[in-house]
Amino acid sequence: MFVMYLGLLALWRTVEDPIRAGRAAAILTLVGALNLPIIKFSVD
């Protein structure tokens, strides 16, 4: 998750147009959301 945060930071800084950057970041964010249940239930 931390590495994906860094990826999002890089994406927002790389793409100058905020609309294009927002859409690309939104897709990456939704992909990264799959990791949330893994973090929560990994100990189970």
Full PDB file with SEQRES, HELIX, SHEET, SSBOND, CRYST1, ORIGX, SCALE, CONECT and MASTER records, all heavy atoms in Angstrom:
SEQRES   1 A   44  MET PHE VAL MET TYR LEU GLY LEU LEU ALA LEU TRP ARG          
SEQRES   2 A   44  THR VAL GLU ASP PRO ILE ARG ALA GLY ARG ALA ALA ALA          
SEQRES   3 A   44  ILE LEU THR LEU VAL GLY ALA LEU ASN LEU PRO ILE ILE          
SEQRES   4 A   44  LYS PHE SER VAL ASP                                          
HELIX    1 AA1 PHE A    2  THR A   14  1                                  13    
HELIX    2 AA2 PRO A   18  GLY A   32  1                                  15    
HELIX    3 AA3 ASN A   35  PHE A   41  1                                   7    
CRYST1    1.000    1.000    1.000  90.00  90.00  90.00 P 1           1          
ORIGX1      1.000000  0.000000  0.000000        0.00000                         
ORIGX2      0.000000  1.000000  0.000000        0.00000                         
ORIGX3      0.000000  0.000000  1.000000        0.00000                         
SCALE1      1.000000  0.000000  0.000000        0.00000                         
SCALE2      0.000000  1.000000  0.000000        0.00000                         
SCALE3      0.000000  0.000000  1.000000        0.00000                         
ATOM      1  N   MET A   1       0.825  -1.199   0.000  1.00  0.00           N  
ATOM      2  CA  MET A   1       0.000   0.000   0.000  1.00  0.00           C  
ATOM      3  C   MET A   1       0.867   1.260   0.000  1.00  0.00           C  
ATOM      4  O   MET A   1       0.561   2.237  -0.714  1.00  0.00           O  
ATOM      5  CB  MET A   1      -0.936   0.002   1.216  1.00  0.00           C  
ATOM      6  CG  MET A   1      -1.875   1.206   1.267  1.00  0.00           C  
ATOM      7  SD  MET A   1      -3.127   1.107   2.577  1.00  0.00           S  
ATOM      8  CE  MET A   1      -2.090   1.240   4.040  1.00  0.00           C  
ATOM      9  N   PHE A   2       1.953   1.261   0.772  1.00  0.00           N  
ATOM     10  CA  PHE A   2       2.837   2.427   0.805  1.00  0.00           C  
ATOM     11  C   PHE A   2       3.478   2.665  -0.556  1.00  0.00           C  
ATOM     12  O   PHE A   2       3.559   3.807  -1.026  1.00  0.00           O  
ATOM     13  CB  PHE A   2       3.915   2.228   1.872  1.00  0.00           C  
ATOM     14  CG  PHE A   2       4.916   3.339   1.941  1.00  0.00           C  
ATOM     15  CD1 PHE A   2       4.527   4.618   2.317  1.00  0.00           C  
ATOM     16  CD2 PHE A   2       6.253   3.114   1.627  1.00  0.00           C  
ATOM     17  CE1 PHE A   2       5.453   5.659   2.379  1.00  0.00           C  
ATOM     18  CE2 PHE A   2       7.179   4.148   1.695  1.00  0.00           C  
ATOM     19  CZ  PHE A   2       6.774   5.419   2.057  1.00  0.00           C  
ATOM     20  N   VAL A   3       3.908   1.588  -1.215  1.00  0.00           N  
ATOM     21  CA  VAL A   3       4.505   1.725  -2.551  1.00  0.00           C  
ATOM     22  C   VAL A   3       3.486   2.281  -3.533  1.00  0.00           C  
ATOM     23  O   VAL A   3       3.813   3.113  -4.397  1.00  0.00           O  
ATOM     24  CB  VAL A   3       5.065   0.367  -3.028  1.00  0.00           C  
ATOM     25  CG1 VAL A   3       5.499   0.441  -4.491  1.00  0.00           C  
ATOM     26  CG2 VAL A   3       6.233  -0.068  -2.155  1.00  0.00           C  
ATOM     27  N   MET A   4       2.231   1.862  -3.414  1.00  0.00           N  
ATOM     28  CA  MET A   4       1.190   2.378  -4.305  1.00  0.00           C  
ATOM     29  C   MET A   4       0.898   3.849  -4.007  1.00  0.00           C  
ATOM     30  O   MET A   4       0.593   4.623  -4.924  1.00  0.00           O  
ATOM     31  CB  MET A   4      -0.078   1.533  -4.189  1.00  0.00           C  
ATOM     32  CG  MET A   4       0.120   0.098  -4.651  1.00  0.00           C  
ATOM     33  SD  MET A   4      -1.422  -0.794  -4.927  1.00  0.00           S  
ATOM     34  CE  MET A   4      -1.964  -0.038  -6.468  1.00  0.00           C  
ATOM     35  N   TYR A   5       0.997   4.243  -2.756  1.00  0.00           N  
ATOM     36  CA  TYR A   5       0.894   5.676  -2.428  1.00  0.00           C  
ATOM     37  C   TYR A   5       1.988   6.458  -3.156  1.00  0.00           C  
ATOM     38  O   TYR A   5       1.726   7.525  -3.732  1.00  0.00           O  
ATOM     39  CB  TYR A   5       1.035   5.897  -0.927  1.00  0.00           C  
ATOM     40  CG  TYR A   5      -0.264   5.879  -0.146  1.00  0.00           C  
ATOM     41  CD1 TYR A   5      -0.458   4.993   0.900  1.00  0.00           C  
ATOM     42  CD2 TYR A   5      -1.285   6.778  -0.436  1.00  0.00           C  
ATOM     43  CE1 TYR A   5      -1.646   4.988   1.635  1.00  0.00           C  
ATOM     44  CE2 TYR A   5      -2.462   6.782   0.285  1.00  0.00           C  
ATOM     45  CZ  TYR A   5      -2.647   5.883   1.318  1.00  0.00           C  
ATOM     46  OH  TYR A   5      -3.812   5.886   2.030  1.00  0.00           O  
ATOM     47  N   LEU A   6       3.211   5.930  -3.135  1.00  0.00           N  
ATOM     48  CA  LEU A   6       4.309   6.602  -3.820  1.00  0.00           C  
ATOM     49  C   LEU A   6       4.054   6.653  -5.326  1.00  0.00           C  
ATOM     50  O   LEU A   6       4.386   7.645  -5.994  1.00  0.00           O  
ATOM     51  CB  LEU A   6       5.634   5.883  -3.528  1.00  0.00           C  
ATOM     52  CG  LEU A   6       6.091   5.866  -2.067  1.00  0.00           C  
ATOM     53  CD1 LEU A   6       7.443   5.167  -1.950  1.00  0.00           C  
ATOM     54  CD2 LEU A   6       6.182   7.276  -1.506  1.00  0.00           C  
ATOM     55  N   GLY A   7       3.471   5.586  -5.871  1.00  0.00           N  
ATOM     56  CA  GLY A   7       3.129   5.580  -7.283  1.00  0.00           C  
ATOM     57  C   GLY A   7       2.110   6.650  -7.633  1.00  0.00           C  
ATOM     58  O   GLY A   7       2.211   7.312  -8.674  1.00  0.00           O  
ATOM     59  N   LEU A   8       1.127   6.843  -6.759  1.00  0.00           N  
ATOM     60  CA  LEU A   8       0.132   7.891  -6.989  1.00  0.00           C  
ATOM     61  C   LEU A   8       0.766   9.278  -6.907  1.00  0.00           C  
ATOM     62  O   LEU A   8       0.432  10.176  -7.695  1.00  0.00           O  
ATOM     63  CB  LEU A   8      -0.997   7.774  -5.968  1.00  0.00           C  
ATOM     64  CG  LEU A   8      -2.028   6.663  -6.218  1.00  0.00           C  
ATOM     65  CD1 LEU A   8      -2.981   6.555  -5.031  1.00  0.00           C  
ATOM     66  CD2 LEU A   8      -2.811   6.940  -7.493  1.00  0.00           C  
ATOM     67  N   LEU A   9       1.672   9.461  -5.945  1.00  0.00           N  
ATOM     68  CA  LEU A   9       2.373  10.749  -5.851  1.00  0.00           C  
ATOM     69  C   LEU A   9       3.135  11.044  -7.141  1.00  0.00           C  
ATOM     70  O   LEU A   9       3.093  12.167  -7.662  1.00  0.00           O  
ATOM     71  CB  LEU A   9       3.343  10.729  -4.668  1.00  0.00           C  
ATOM     72  CG  LEU A   9       2.753  10.946  -3.274  1.00  0.00           C  
ATOM     73  CD1 LEU A   9       3.821  10.711  -2.215  1.00  0.00           C  
ATOM     74  CD2 LEU A   9       2.182  12.348  -3.138  1.00  0.00           C  
ATOM     75  N   ALA A  10       3.820  10.018  -7.671  1.00  0.00           N  
ATOM     76  CA  ALA A  10       4.570  10.199  -8.910  1.00  0.00           C  
ATOM     77  C   ALA A  10       3.635  10.496 -10.081  1.00  0.00           C  
ATOM     78  O   ALA A  10       3.937  11.324 -10.940  1.00  0.00           O  
ATOM     79  CB  ALA A  10       5.406   8.953  -9.198  1.00  0.00           C  
ATOM     80  N   LEU A  11       2.490   9.808 -10.109  1.00  0.00           N  
ATOM     81  CA  LEU A  11       1.536  10.015 -11.194  1.00  0.00           C  
ATOM     82  C   LEU A  11       0.989  11.431 -11.200  1.00  0.00           C  
ATOM     83  O   LEU A  11       0.910  12.091 -12.247  1.00  0.00           O  
ATOM     84  CB  LEU A  11       0.396   9.006 -11.065  1.00  0.00           C  
ATOM     85  CG  LEU A  11      -0.729   9.105 -12.097  1.00  0.00           C  
ATOM     86  CD1 LEU A  11      -0.189   8.926 -13.512  1.00  0.00           C  
ATOM     87  CD2 LEU A  11      -1.807   8.074 -11.807  1.00  0.00           C  
ATOM     88  N   TRP A  12       0.609  11.934 -10.035  1.00  0.00           N  
ATOM     89  CA  TRP A  12       0.073  13.289  -9.953  1.00  0.00           C  
ATOM     90  C   TRP A  12       1.119  14.321 -10.354  1.00  0.00           C  
ATOM     91  O   TRP A  12       0.782  15.376 -10.919  1.00  0.00           O  
ATOM     92  CB  TRP A  12      -0.420  13.579  -8.535  1.00  0.00           C  
ATOM     93  CG  TRP A  12      -1.799  13.068  -8.247  1.00  0.00           C  
ATOM     94  CD1 TRP A  12      -2.133  12.020  -7.440  1.00  0.00           C  
ATOM     95  CD2 TRP A  12      -3.027  13.586  -8.763  1.00  0.00           C  
ATOM     96  NE1 TRP A  12      -3.497  11.851  -7.418  1.00  0.00           N  
ATOM     97  CE2 TRP A  12      -4.073  12.805  -8.220  1.00  0.00           C  
ATOM     98  CE3 TRP A  12      -3.345  14.629  -9.618  1.00  0.00           C  
ATOM     99  CZ2 TRP A  12      -5.409  13.037  -8.510  1.00  0.00           C  
ATOM    100  CZ3 TRP A  12      -4.682  14.874  -9.918  1.00  0.00           C  
ATOM    101  CH2 TRP A  12      -5.700  14.073  -9.364  1.00  0.00           C  
ATOM    102  N   ARG A  13       2.400  14.054 -10.087  1.00  0.00           N  
ATOM    103  CA  ARG A  13       3.446  15.011 -10.427  1.00  0.00           C  
ATOM    104  C   ARG A  13       3.873  14.896 -11.888  1.00  0.00           C  
ATOM    105  O   ARG A  13       4.380  15.863 -12.463  1.00  0.00           O  
ATOM    106  CB  ARG A  13       4.672  14.806  -9.518  1.00  0.00           C  
ATOM    107  CG  ARG A  13       4.429  15.203  -8.077  1.00  0.00           C  
ATOM    108  CD  ARG A  13       5.672  14.998  -7.230  1.00  0.00           C  
ATOM    109  NE  ARG A  13       5.453  15.447  -5.853  1.00  0.00           N  
ATOM    110  CZ  ARG A  13       5.640  16.680  -5.428  1.00  0.00           C  
ATOM    111  NH1 ARG A  13       6.059  17.605  -6.278  1.00  0.00           N  
ATOM    112  NH2 ARG A  13       5.422  17.003  -4.172  1.00  0.00           N  
ATOM    113  N   THR A  14       3.671  13.725 -12.484  1.00  0.00           N  
ATOM    114  CA  THR A  14       4.123  13.505 -13.854  1.00  0.00           C  
ATOM    115  C   THR A  14       3.163  14.091 -14.881  1.00  0.00           C  
ATOM    116  O   THR A  14       3.585  14.723 -15.858  1.00  0.00           O  
ATOM    117  CB  THR A  14       4.306  11.997 -14.121  1.00  0.00           C  
ATOM    118  OG1 THR A  14       5.252  11.463 -13.184  1.00  0.00           O  
ATOM    119  CG2 THR A  14       4.798  11.759 -15.539  1.00  0.00           C  
ATOM    120  N   VAL A  15       1.858  13.879 -14.684  1.00  0.00           N  
ATOM    121  CA  VAL A  15       0.851  14.332 -15.639  1.00  0.00           C  
ATOM    122  C   VAL A  15       0.455  15.760 -15.282  1.00  0.00           C  
ATOM    123  O   VAL A  15      -0.058  16.010 -14.191  1.00  0.00           O  
ATOM    124  CB  VAL A  15      -0.377  13.402 -15.630  1.00  0.00           C  
ATOM    125  CG1 VAL A  15      -1.406  13.864 -16.662  1.00  0.00           C  
ATOM    126  CG2 VAL A  15       0.043  11.969 -15.910  1.00  0.00           C  
ATOM    127  N   GLU A  16       0.666  16.673 -16.205  1.00  0.00           N  
ATOM    128  CA  GLU A  16       0.422  18.083 -15.910  1.00  0.00           C  
ATOM    129  C   GLU A  16      -1.060  18.422 -15.894  1.00  0.00           C  
ATOM    130  O   GLU A  16      -1.511  19.219 -15.062  1.00  0.00           O  
ATOM    131  CB  GLU A  16       1.137  18.962 -16.946  1.00  0.00           C  
ATOM    132  CG  GLU A  16       1.022  20.449 -16.670  1.00  0.00           C  
ATOM    133  CD  GLU A  16       1.804  21.273 -17.657  1.00  0.00           C  
ATOM    134  OE1 GLU A  16       2.557  20.682 -18.465  1.00  0.00           O  
ATOM    135  OE2 GLU A  16       1.678  22.519 -17.617  1.00  0.00           O  
ATOM    136  N   ASP A  17      -1.833  17.836 -16.800  1.00  0.00           N  
ATOM    137  CA  ASP A  17      -3.264  18.113 -16.874  1.00  0.00           C  
ATOM    138  C   ASP A  17      -3.972  17.460 -15.697  1.00  0.00           C  
ATOM    139  O   ASP A  17      -3.971  16.229 -15.585  1.00  0.00           O  
ATOM    140  CB  ASP A  17      -3.835  17.572 -18.191  1.00  0.00           C  
ATOM    141  CG  ASP A  17      -5.315  17.905 -18.363  1.00  0.00           C  
ATOM    142  OD1 ASP A  17      -5.872  18.616 -17.502  1.00  0.00           O  
ATOM    143  OD2 ASP A  17      -5.926  17.440 -19.351  1.00  0.00           O  
ATOM    144  N   PRO A  18      -4.591  18.229 -14.796  1.00  0.00           N  
ATOM    145  CA  PRO A  18      -5.208  17.621 -13.603  1.00  0.00           C  
ATOM    146  C   PRO A  18      -6.368  16.690 -13.931  1.00  0.00           C  
ATOM    147  O   PRO A  18      -6.631  15.749 -13.186  1.00  0.00           O  
ATOM    148  CB  PRO A  18      -5.674  18.833 -12.790  1.00  0.00           C  
ATOM    149  CG  PRO A  18      -5.745  19.952 -13.757  1.00  0.00           C  
ATOM    150  CD  PRO A  18      -4.699  19.694 -14.792  1.00  0.00           C  
ATOM    151  N   ILE A  19      -7.082  16.906 -15.047  1.00  0.00           N  
ATOM    152  CA  ILE A  19      -8.201  16.039 -15.401  1.00  0.00           C  
ATOM    153  C   ILE A  19      -7.691  14.661 -15.816  1.00  0.00           C  
ATOM    154  O   ILE A  19      -8.188  13.623 -15.348  1.00  0.00           O  
ATOM    155  CB  ILE A  19      -9.046  16.684 -16.516  1.00  0.00           C  
ATOM    156  CG1 ILE A  19      -9.673  17.991 -16.014  1.00  0.00           C  
ATOM    157  CG2 ILE A  19     -10.124  15.716 -16.991  1.00  0.00           C  
ATOM    158  CD1 ILE A  19     -10.479  18.714 -17.059  1.00  0.00           C  
ATOM    159  N   ARG A  20      -6.694  14.634 -16.698  1.00  0.00           N  
ATOM    160  CA  ARG A  20      -6.113  13.360 -17.119  1.00  0.00           C  
ATOM    161  C   ARG A  20      -5.457  12.651 -15.936  1.00  0.00           C  
ATOM    162  O   ARG A  20      -5.601  11.438 -15.760  1.00  0.00           O  
ATOM    163  CB  ARG A  20      -5.088  13.593 -18.221  1.00  0.00           C  
ATOM    164  CG  ARG A  20      -5.675  13.989 -19.571  1.00  0.00           C  
ATOM    165  CD  ARG A  20      -4.572  14.237 -20.572  1.00  0.00           C  
ATOM    166  NE  ARG A  20      -3.643  13.131 -20.622  1.00  0.00           N  
ATOM    167  CZ  ARG A  20      -2.329  13.255 -20.846  1.00  0.00           C  
ATOM    168  NH1 ARG A  20      -1.802  14.470 -20.999  1.00  0.00           N  
ATOM    169  NH2 ARG A  20      -1.556  12.194 -20.888  1.00  0.00           N  
ATOM    170  N   ALA A  21      -4.736  13.414 -15.113  1.00  0.00           N  
ATOM    171  CA  ALA A  21      -4.073  12.812 -13.955  1.00  0.00           C  
ATOM    172  C   ALA A  21      -5.100  12.245 -12.980  1.00  0.00           C  
ATOM    173  O   ALA A  21      -4.904  11.158 -12.422  1.00  0.00           O  
ATOM    174  CB  ALA A  21      -3.212  13.855 -13.253  1.00  0.00           C  
ATOM    175  N   GLY A  22      -6.219  12.959 -12.806  1.00  0.00           N  
ATOM    176  CA  GLY A  22      -7.252  12.490 -11.888  1.00  0.00           C  
ATOM    177  C   GLY A  22      -7.868  11.177 -12.333  1.00  0.00           C  
ATOM    178  O   GLY A  22      -8.116  10.289 -11.508  1.00  0.00           O  
ATOM    179  N   ARG A  23      -8.113  11.023 -13.628  1.00  0.00           N  
ATOM    180  CA  ARG A  23      -8.710   9.782 -14.124  1.00  0.00           C  
ATOM    181  C   ARG A  23      -7.727   8.617 -14.009  1.00  0.00           C  
ATOM    182  O   ARG A  23      -8.121   7.511 -13.608  1.00  0.00           O  
ATOM    183  CB  ARG A  23      -9.150   9.970 -15.571  1.00  0.00           C  
ATOM    184  CG  ARG A  23     -10.336  10.922 -15.721  1.00  0.00           C  
ATOM    185  CD  ARG A  23     -10.658  11.184 -17.177  1.00  0.00           C  
ATOM    186  NE  ARG A  23     -11.784  12.113 -17.305  1.00  0.00           N  
ATOM    187  CZ  ARG A  23     -12.191  12.628 -18.446  1.00  0.00           C  
ATOM    188  NH1 ARG A  23     -11.564  12.313 -19.580  1.00  0.00           N  
ATOM    189  NH2 ARG A  23     -13.220  13.465 -18.465  1.00  0.00           N  
ATOM    190  N   ALA A  24      -6.472   8.858 -14.362  1.00  0.00           N  
ATOM    191  CA  ALA A  24      -5.476   7.790 -14.244  1.00  0.00           C  
ATOM    192  C   ALA A  24      -5.274   7.400 -12.779  1.00  0.00           C  
ATOM    193  O   ALA A  24      -5.185   6.208 -12.446  1.00  0.00           O  
ATOM    194  CB  ALA A  24      -4.154   8.247 -14.867  1.00  0.00           C  
ATOM    195  N   ALA A  25      -5.223   8.397 -11.903  1.00  0.00           N  
ATOM    196  CA  ALA A  25      -5.050   8.112 -10.479  1.00  0.00           C  
ATOM    197  C   ALA A  25      -6.260   7.382  -9.911  1.00  0.00           C  
ATOM    198  O   ALA A  25      -6.125   6.517  -9.034  1.00  0.00           O  
ATOM    199  CB  ALA A  25      -4.821   9.407  -9.710  1.00  0.00           C  
ATOM    200  N   ALA A  26      -7.457   7.698 -10.408  1.00  0.00           N  
ATOM    201  CA  ALA A  26      -8.670   7.028  -9.935  1.00  0.00           C  
ATOM    202  C   ALA A  26      -8.629   5.546 -10.269  1.00  0.00           C  
ATOM    203  O   ALA A  26      -9.007   4.693  -9.443  1.00  0.00           O  
ATOM    204  CB  ALA A  26      -9.899   7.687 -10.553  1.00  0.00           C  
ATOM    205  N   ILE A  27      -8.163   5.206 -11.469  1.00  0.00           N  
ATOM    206  CA  ILE A  27      -8.077   3.786 -11.858  1.00  0.00           C  
ATOM    207  C   ILE A  27      -7.069   3.057 -10.978  1.00  0.00           C  
ATOM    208  O   ILE A  27      -7.343   1.957 -10.466  1.00  0.00           O  
ATOM    209  CB  ILE A  27      -7.696   3.675 -13.342  1.00  0.00           C  
ATOM    210  CG1 ILE A  27      -8.809   4.256 -14.215  1.00  0.00           C  
ATOM    211  CG2 ILE A  27      -7.425   2.221 -13.722  1.00  0.00           C  
ATOM    212  CD1 ILE A  27      -8.463   4.350 -15.689  1.00  0.00           C  
ATOM    213  N   LEU A  28      -5.899   3.660 -10.774  1.00  0.00           N  
ATOM    214  CA  LEU A  28      -4.886   3.033  -9.924  1.00  0.00           C  
ATOM    215  C   LEU A  28      -5.382   2.891  -8.488  1.00  0.00           C  
ATOM    216  O   LEU A  28      -5.105   1.891  -7.818  1.00  0.00           O  
ATOM    217  CB  LEU A  28      -3.601   3.860  -9.965  1.00  0.00           C  
ATOM    218  CG  LEU A  28      -2.430   3.352  -9.115  1.00  0.00           C  
ATOM    219  CD1 LEU A  28      -2.059   1.930  -9.506  1.00  0.00           C  
ATOM    220  CD2 LEU A  28      -1.217   4.272  -9.257  1.00  0.00           C  
ATOM    221  N   THR A  29      -6.133   3.877  -8.014  1.00  0.00           N  
ATOM    222  CA  THR A  29      -6.665   3.817  -6.651  1.00  0.00           C  
ATOM    223  C   THR A  29      -7.636   2.650  -6.488  1.00  0.00           C  
ATOM    224  O   THR A  29      -7.590   1.925  -5.483  1.00  0.00           O  
ATOM    225  CB  THR A  29      -7.370   5.136  -6.305  1.00  0.00           C  
ATOM    226  OG1 THR A  29      -6.431   6.205  -6.366  1.00  0.00           O  
ATOM    227  CG2 THR A  29      -7.961   5.083  -4.901  1.00  0.00           C  
ATOM    228  N   LEU A  30      -8.521   2.462  -7.467  1.00  0.00           N  
ATOM    229  CA  LEU A  30      -9.485   1.365  -7.379  1.00  0.00           C  
ATOM    230  C   LEU A  30      -8.785   0.011  -7.456  1.00  0.00           C  
ATOM    231  O   LEU A  30      -9.206  -0.952  -6.800  1.00  0.00           O  
ATOM    232  CB  LEU A  30     -10.523   1.493  -8.494  1.00  0.00           C  
ATOM    233  CG  LEU A  30     -11.471   2.689  -8.362  1.00  0.00           C  
ATOM    234  CD1 LEU A  30     -12.408   2.775  -9.558  1.00  0.00           C  
ATOM    235  CD2 LEU A  30     -12.280   2.592  -7.070  1.00  0.00           C  
ATOM    236  N   VAL A  31      -7.720  -0.078  -8.242  1.00  0.00           N  
ATOM    237  CA  VAL A  31      -6.942  -1.321  -8.270  1.00  0.00           C  
ATOM    238  C   VAL A  31      -6.304  -1.571  -6.906  1.00  0.00           C  
ATOM    239  O   VAL A  31      -6.327  -2.687  -6.373  1.00  0.00           O  
ATOM    240  CB  VAL A  31      -5.871  -1.256  -9.371  1.00  0.00           C  
ATOM    241  CG1 VAL A  31      -4.939  -2.466  -9.286  1.00  0.00           C  
ATOM    242  CG2 VAL A  31      -6.518  -1.199 -10.751  1.00  0.00           C  
ATOM    243  N   GLY A  32      -5.751  -0.525  -6.324  1.00  0.00           N  
ATOM    244  CA  GLY A  32      -5.116  -0.659  -5.009  1.00  0.00           C  
ATOM    245  C   GLY A  32      -6.086  -0.969  -3.894  1.00  0.00           C  
ATOM    246  O   GLY A  32      -5.700  -1.518  -2.859  1.00  0.00           O  
ATOM    247  N   ALA A  33      -7.372  -0.631  -4.094  1.00  0.00           N  
ATOM    248  CA  ALA A  33      -8.374  -0.922  -3.065  1.00  0.00           C  
ATOM    249  C   ALA A  33      -8.539  -2.416  -2.832  1.00  0.00           C  
ATOM    250  O   ALA A  33      -8.999  -2.835  -1.760  1.00  0.00           O  
ATOM    251  CB  ALA A  33      -9.717  -0.304  -3.456  1.00  0.00           C  
ATOM    252  N   LEU A  34      -8.150  -3.226  -3.808  1.00  0.00           N  
ATOM    253  CA  LEU A  34      -8.218  -4.681  -3.626  1.00  0.00           C  
ATOM    254  C   LEU A  34      -7.288  -5.142  -2.511  1.00  0.00           C  
ATOM    255  O   LEU A  34      -7.468  -6.237  -1.961  1.00  0.00           O  
ATOM    256  CB  LEU A  34      -7.852  -5.384  -4.936  1.00  0.00           C  
ATOM    257  CG  LEU A  34      -8.761  -5.094  -6.140  1.00  0.00           C  
ATOM    258  CD1 LEU A  34      -8.217  -5.771  -7.389  1.00  0.00           C  
ATOM    259  CD2 LEU A  34     -10.187  -5.563  -5.860  1.00  0.00           C  
ATOM    260  N   ASN A  35      -6.290  -4.320  -2.188  1.00  0.00           N  
ATOM    261  CA  ASN A  35      -5.340  -4.682  -1.131  1.00  0.00           C  
ATOM    262  C   ASN A  35      -5.902  -4.453   0.263  1.00  0.00           C  
ATOM    263  O   ASN A  35      -5.400  -5.022   1.239  1.00  0.00           O  
ATOM    264  CB  ASN A  35      -4.055  -3.864  -1.319  1.00  0.00           C  
ATOM    265  CG  ASN A  35      -2.931  -4.312  -0.409  1.00  0.00           C  
ATOM    266  OD1 ASN A  35      -2.732  -5.511  -0.188  1.00  0.00           O  
ATOM    267  ND2 ASN A  35      -2.193  -3.365   0.129  1.00  0.00           N  
ATOM    268  N   LEU A  36      -6.941  -3.621   0.395  1.00  0.00           N  
ATOM    269  CA  LEU A  36      -7.468  -3.281   1.725  1.00  0.00           C  
ATOM    270  C   LEU A  36      -7.997  -4.506   2.479  1.00  0.00           C  
ATOM    271  O   LEU A  36      -7.664  -4.691   3.656  1.00  0.00           O  
ATOM    272  CB  LEU A  36      -8.549  -2.205   1.603  1.00  0.00           C  
ATOM    273  CG  LEU A  36      -8.063  -0.826   1.152  1.00  0.00           C  
ATOM    274  CD1 LEU A  36      -9.230   0.148   1.088  1.00  0.00           C  
ATOM    275  CD2 LEU A  36      -6.978  -0.295   2.088  1.00  0.00           C  
ATOM    276  N   PRO A  37      -8.849  -5.360   1.855  1.00  0.00           N  
ATOM    277  CA  PRO A  37      -9.280  -6.553   2.602  1.00  0.00           C  
ATOM    278  C   PRO A  37      -8.136  -7.505   2.911  1.00  0.00           C  
ATOM    279  O   PRO A  37      -8.185  -8.227   3.914  1.00  0.00           O  
ATOM    280  CB  PRO A  37     -10.329  -7.192   1.677  1.00  0.00           C  
ATOM    281  CG  PRO A  37     -10.065  -6.616   0.327  1.00  0.00           C  
ATOM    282  CD  PRO A  37      -9.536  -5.244   0.561  1.00  0.00           C  
ATOM    283  N   ILE A  38      -7.104  -7.507   2.073  1.00  0.00           N  
ATOM    284  CA  ILE A  38      -5.942  -8.362   2.359  1.00  0.00           C  
ATOM    285  C   ILE A  38      -5.243  -7.872   3.620  1.00  0.00           C  
ATOM    286  O   ILE A  38      -4.857  -8.670   4.484  1.00  0.00           O  
ATOM    287  CB  ILE A  38      -4.973  -8.366   1.157  1.00  0.00           C  
ATOM    288  CG1 ILE A  38      -5.657  -8.979  -0.066  1.00  0.00           C  
ATOM    289  CG2 ILE A  38      -3.698  -9.137   1.494  1.00  0.00           C  
ATOM    290  CD1 ILE A  38      -4.808  -8.950  -1.321  1.00  0.00           C  
ATOM    291  N   ILE A  39      -5.078  -6.537   3.725  1.00  0.00           N  
ATOM    292  CA  ILE A  39      -4.458  -5.990   4.934  1.00  0.00           C  
ATOM    293  C   ILE A  39      -5.300  -6.330   6.169  1.00  0.00           C  
ATOM    294  O   ILE A  39      -4.773  -6.773   7.192  1.00  0.00           O  
ATOM    295  CB  ILE A  39      -4.297  -4.461   4.808  1.00  0.00           C  
ATOM    296  CG1 ILE A  39      -3.342  -4.106   3.671  1.00  0.00           C  
ATOM    297  CG2 ILE A  39      -3.794  -3.866   6.118  1.00  0.00           C  
ATOM    298  CD1 ILE A  39      -3.241  -2.617   3.390  1.00  0.00           C  
ATOM    299  N   LYS A  40      -6.602  -6.116   6.055  1.00  0.00           N  
ATOM    300  CA  LYS A  40      -7.488  -6.309   7.206  1.00  0.00           C  
ATOM    301  C   LYS A  40      -7.527  -7.761   7.662  1.00  0.00           C  
ATOM    302  O   LYS A  40      -7.434  -8.047   8.868  1.00  0.00           O  
ATOM    303  CB  LYS A  40      -8.895  -5.816   6.827  1.00  0.00           C  
ATOM    304  CG  LYS A  40      -9.973  -6.155   7.838  1.00  0.00           C  
ATOM    305  CD  LYS A  40      -9.719  -5.538   9.194  1.00  0.00           C  
ATOM    306  CE  LYS A  40     -10.826  -5.886  10.181  1.00  0.00           C  
ATOM    307  NZ  LYS A  40     -10.500  -5.409  11.549  1.00  0.00           N  
ATOM    308  N   PHE A  41      -7.673  -8.697   6.736  1.00  0.00           N  
ATOM    309  CA  PHE A  41      -7.915 -10.094   7.107  1.00  0.00           C  
ATOM    310  C   PHE A  41      -6.681 -10.981   6.959  1.00  0.00           C  
ATOM    311  O   PHE A  41      -6.793 -12.199   7.104  1.00  0.00           O  
ATOM    312  CB  PHE A  41      -9.059 -10.665   6.255  1.00  0.00           C  
ATOM    313  CG  PHE A  41     -10.371  -9.955   6.462  1.00  0.00           C  
ATOM    314  CD1 PHE A  41     -10.887  -9.126   5.490  1.00  0.00           C  
ATOM    315  CD2 PHE A  41     -11.077 -10.108   7.649  1.00  0.00           C  
ATOM    316  CE1 PHE A  41     -12.090  -8.460   5.673  1.00  0.00           C  
ATOM    317  CE2 PHE A  41     -12.283  -9.448   7.852  1.00  0.00           C  
ATOM    318  CZ  PHE A  41     -12.786  -8.623   6.856  1.00  0.00           C  
ATOM    319  N   SER A  42      -5.527 -10.388   6.688  1.00  0.00           N  
ATOM    320  CA  SER A  42      -4.321 -11.203   6.504  1.00  0.00           C  
ATOM    321  C   SER A  42      -3.985 -12.012   7.747  1.00  0.00           C  
ATOM    322  O   SER A  42      -3.502 -13.147   7.650  1.00  0.00           O  
ATOM    323  CB  SER A  42      -3.133 -10.303   6.120  1.00  0.00           C  
ATOM    324  OG  SER A  42      -2.936  -9.302   7.110  1.00  0.00           O  
ATOM    325  N   VAL A  43      -4.246 -11.439   8.919  1.00  0.00           N  
ATOM    326  CA  VAL A  43      -3.921 -12.160  10.163  1.00  0.00           C  
ATOM    327  C   VAL A  43      -4.884 -13.316  10.402  1.00  0.00           C  
ATOM    328  O   VAL A  43      -4.594 -14.204  11.218  1.00  0.00           O  
ATOM    329  CB  VAL A  43      -3.945 -11.199  11.368  1.00  0.00           C  
ATOM    330  CG1 VAL A  43      -2.809 -10.196  11.263  1.00  0.00           C  
ATOM    331  CG2 VAL A  43      -5.288 -10.479  11.464  1.00  0.00           C  
ATOM    332  N   ASP A  44      -6.028 -13.319   9.718  1.00  0.00           N  
ATOM    333  CA  ASP A  44      -6.986 -14.416   9.845  1.00  0.00           C  
ATOM    334  C   ASP A  44      -6.792 -15.458   8.748  1.00  0.00           C  
ATOM    335  O   ASP A  44      -7.059 -16.645   8.967  1.00  0.00           O  
ATOM    336  CB  ASP A  44      -8.425 -13.877   9.777  1.00  0.00           C  
ATOM    337  CG  ASP A  44      -8.712 -12.862  10.869  1.00  0.00           C  
ATOM    338  OD1 ASP A  44      -8.289 -13.097  12.015  1.00  0.00           O  
ATOM    339  OD2 ASP A  44      -9.353 -11.827  10.576  1.00  0.00           O  
TER     340      ASP A  44                                                      
MASTER        0    0    0    3    0    0    0    6  339    1    0    4          
END                                                                             
